[in-house]
Protein backbone atom coordinates (compact mmCIF):
# COMPACT_ATOMS: atom_id res chain seq x y z
CA MET A 1 6.04 24.01 -22.11
CA LYS A 2 2.94 21.97 -21.24
CA LYS A 3 4.35 19.00 -23.18
CA THR A 4 7.61 19.21 -21.23
CA ILE A 5 5.79 19.25 -17.88
CA LEU A 6 3.59 16.34 -18.97
CA PHE A 7 6.65 14.39 -20.16
CA PHE A 8 8.50 14.86 -16.86
CA SER A 9 5.36 14.04 -14.87
CA LEU A 10 5.04 10.74 -16.74
CA ILE A 11 8.68 9.92 -16.09
CA ILE A 12 8.29 10.60 -12.36
CA PHE A 13 5.05 8.58 -12.24
CA ALA A 14 6.64 5.67 -14.15
CA GLY A 15 9.63 5.74 -11.79
CA GLY A 16 7.30 5.51 -8.78
CA VAL A 17 5.42 2.58 -10.30
CA MET A 18 8.66 0.79 -11.19
CA ALA A 19 9.91 1.19 -7.61
CA GLN A 20 6.96 -0.89 -6.40
CA LYS A 21 8.48 -4.05 -7.88
CA VAL A 22 11.73 -5.22 -6.33
CA THR A 23 13.93 -8.07 -7.53
CA THR A 24 17.06 -9.99 -6.59
CA THR A 25 19.31 -12.62 -8.12
CA SER A 26 20.72 -13.78 -4.80
CA ALA A 27 17.79 -15.41 -3.04
CA VAL A 28 18.90 -18.32 -0.86
CA ILE A 29 16.83 -21.48 -1.12
CA GLY A 30 17.57 -24.29 1.29
CA PHE A 31 16.55 -27.93 0.92
CA ASP A 32 16.62 -30.07 4.07
CA ALA A 33 15.66 -33.73 3.76
CA THR A 34 17.72 -34.92 6.71
CA THR A 35 16.52 -37.74 8.92
CA PRO A 36 17.79 -39.38 12.11
CA LYS A 37 19.43 -41.98 9.81
CA ASP A 38 21.22 -39.49 7.56
CA ALA A 39 22.20 -35.86 8.11
CA LEU A 40 23.64 -35.36 4.62
CA PRO A 41 20.63 -34.73 2.33
CA LYS A 42 20.80 -30.99 2.92
CA ALA A 43 21.64 -28.37 0.30
CA GLU A 44 21.62 -24.67 -0.41
CA ASN A 45 21.21 -22.63 -3.57
CA LYS A 46 22.47 -19.04 -3.27
CA ALA A 47 21.59 -17.98 -6.83
CA GLY A 48 17.79 -17.92 -6.74
CA ILE A 49 15.85 -15.25 -8.57
CA ALA A 50 12.99 -13.55 -6.76
CA SER A 51 10.64 -10.62 -7.19
CA LEU A 52 8.00 -8.86 -5.11
CA ASP A 53 5.39 -6.40 -6.27
CA LYS A 54 4.69 -4.25 -3.21
CA THR A 55 1.37 -2.97 -4.58
CA THR A 56 -0.22 -6.32 -5.49
CA GLY A 57 1.64 -8.69 -3.15
CA VAL A 58 2.63 -10.95 -6.04
CA ILE A 59 5.81 -12.77 -5.11
CA MET A 60 7.83 -15.31 -7.06
CA PHE A 61 11.09 -17.17 -6.96
CA GLU A 62 12.88 -19.66 -9.14
CA ALA A 63 15.94 -21.78 -8.56
CA ALA A 64 18.14 -23.73 -10.92
CA VAL A 65 18.09 -27.33 -9.72
CA ASN A 66 21.76 -27.95 -10.48
CA ASN A 67 22.78 -24.93 -8.34
CA PHE A 68 21.90 -26.74 -5.11
CA ALA A 69 25.16 -27.59 -3.37
CA PHE A 70 25.35 -30.72 -1.19
CA SER A 71 28.37 -31.63 0.95
CA ASN A 72 28.36 -35.14 -0.57
CA PRO A 73 28.83 -35.20 -4.39
CA LYS A 74 26.97 -38.54 -4.64
CA ILE A 75 23.85 -37.05 -3.06
CA GLN A 76 24.12 -34.10 -5.46
CA GLU A 77 24.30 -36.53 -8.37
CA HIS A 78 21.17 -38.36 -7.17
CA PHE A 79 19.36 -35.05 -6.54
CA ASN A 80 19.93 -33.98 -10.15
CA GLY A 81 19.29 -37.47 -11.58
CA ALA A 82 16.21 -38.69 -13.44
CA ALA A 83 14.64 -40.40 -10.38
CA TRP A 84 14.82 -37.22 -8.32
CA LEU A 85 14.59 -33.69 -9.73
CA ASN A 86 15.82 -34.60 -13.22
CA SER A 87 17.62 -31.30 -13.78
CA ALA A 88 18.31 -32.19 -17.43
CA ALA A 89 14.58 -32.25 -18.26
CA PHE A 90 13.39 -29.82 -15.56
CA PRO A 91 16.24 -27.33 -14.98
CA LYS A 92 14.42 -25.14 -12.44
CA PHE A 93 11.65 -25.11 -9.92
CA THR A 94 9.44 -22.11 -9.37
CA PHE A 95 6.98 -20.56 -6.98
CA THR A 96 4.43 -17.93 -7.96
CA GLY A 97 2.00 -16.63 -5.39
CA LYS A 98 0.69 -13.76 -3.39
CA ILE A 99 1.04 -12.37 0.11
CA ASP A 100 -2.30 -12.83 1.85
CA LYS A 101 -3.54 -9.68 3.63
CA LEU A 102 -0.85 -7.50 2.06
CA ASN A 103 -2.23 -4.49 3.96
CA LYS A 104 -0.59 -5.89 7.14
CA ILE A 105 2.79 -4.84 5.71
CA LYS A 106 3.70 -1.16 5.88
CA PHE A 107 6.46 -0.83 3.27
CA ASN A 108 7.09 2.77 4.35
CA LYS A 109 7.57 1.87 8.03
CA ASN A 110 10.36 -0.16 9.59
CA GLY A 111 9.09 -3.34 11.19
CA VAL A 112 8.70 -7.09 11.14
CA TYR A 113 5.46 -8.43 9.72
CA ASP A 114 4.12 -11.98 9.98
CA VAL A 115 2.09 -12.94 6.92
CA THR A 116 0.98 -15.96 4.93
CA VAL A 117 2.05 -16.57 1.36
CA SER A 118 -0.09 -18.75 -0.93
CA GLY A 119 0.58 -19.87 -4.45
CA ASN A 120 1.81 -22.68 -6.67
CA LEU A 121 5.12 -24.51 -6.37
CA THR A 122 6.25 -26.22 -9.56
CA VAL A 123 8.78 -29.04 -9.31
CA LYS A 124 9.57 -31.46 -12.15
CA GLY A 125 6.80 -29.84 -14.20
CA ILE A 126 4.20 -30.63 -11.54
CA SER A 127 2.46 -27.62 -9.99
CA LYS A 128 0.84 -27.90 -6.54
CA PRO A 129 -0.80 -25.27 -4.34
CA VAL A 130 1.18 -24.40 -1.21
CA SER A 131 0.76 -22.00 1.67
CA ALA A 132 3.36 -20.99 4.23
CA LYS A 133 3.99 -18.49 6.99
CA ALA A 134 6.52 -15.79 6.14
CA LYS A 135 8.31 -13.10 8.08
CA VAL A 136 8.77 -9.85 6.15
CA THR A 137 11.18 -7.25 7.50
CA VAL A 138 11.20 -3.65 6.31
CA THR A 139 14.28 -1.54 7.09
CA GLY A 140 14.38 1.77 5.29
CA THR A 141 13.98 0.95 1.60
CA ALA A 142 15.17 -2.65 2.05
CA VAL A 143 12.68 -5.52 2.28
CA SER A 144 13.61 -9.05 3.29
CA ALA A 145 11.51 -12.17 3.71
CA VAL A 146 12.01 -15.65 5.13
CA SER A 147 9.65 -18.59 4.80
CA THR A 148 9.84 -22.33 5.36
CA LEU A 149 7.46 -24.89 3.95
CA SER A 150 7.33 -28.66 3.83
CA ILE A 151 6.68 -30.46 0.59
CA LYS A 152 5.72 -34.07 -0.04
CA LEU A 153 8.23 -35.61 -2.43
CA ALA A 154 5.65 -38.10 -3.69
CA ASP A 155 3.40 -35.20 -4.82
CA TYR A 156 6.10 -34.29 -7.33
CA GLY A 157 6.85 -37.82 -8.50
CA ILE A 158 10.02 -38.15 -6.42
CA THR A 159 10.48 -41.64 -5.01
CA GLY A 160 13.34 -44.01 -4.42
CA GLN A 161 15.07 -46.53 -2.25
CA SER A 162 16.77 -43.92 -0.03
CA ILE A 163 13.36 -42.40 0.80
CA GLU A 164 11.85 -45.82 1.55
CA ALA A 165 14.88 -46.70 3.71
CA GLY A 166 14.39 -43.56 5.81
CA LYS A 167 17.64 -41.91 4.70
CA VAL A 168 15.76 -39.03 3.04
CA ALA A 169 12.75 -37.30 4.56
CA THR A 170 9.47 -37.89 2.75
CA GLU A 171 8.54 -34.27 3.53
CA PRO A 172 11.67 -32.12 3.33
CA LYS A 173 11.72 -28.49 4.35
CA VAL A 174 12.30 -25.80 1.75
CA THR A 175 13.46 -22.47 3.16
CA VAL A 176 13.48 -19.30 1.11
CA SER A 177 15.41 -16.26 2.29
CA VAL A 178 15.25 -13.13 0.15
CA SER A 179 16.69 -9.64 0.52
CA PHE A 180 15.49 -6.90 -1.78
CA LEU A 181 17.85 -3.94 -1.37
């Protein structure tokens, strides 16, 4: 009898621990490198993978480079090409970080919480530290988060004539929108 109670206690405990980490395969990652000269270098990837550990604040996302959809097929070709993100050699980019001051978020209470997320963004095999403001919304058991950060293309070895000509922003905005249901 004691073994049965212990076994069920461990299952319940393990279930509670597992519920602290939430994941999704439908994170939306936007890339906006538009300029006054060109409004087309803008894309969205609706198949990002993301996870959040509610006890440690560790958050991550990854996106397949070739899943970014541009309205102009030529821009998409350049984006995936060797001079840009080189999706053949570097098929994904990733972010791994942590929510600063995690205690500001009450995961058991509905609300909107403004926090900062810090970590490393890896693009084309180059990892750089980044920090961005994020808005975390808790509604029942659902958690969603939105954050926008600017990156410097040159930091990741991305250069080219269209950037120099002002048709592509040197510091595009990357927006991450995640819903953990």
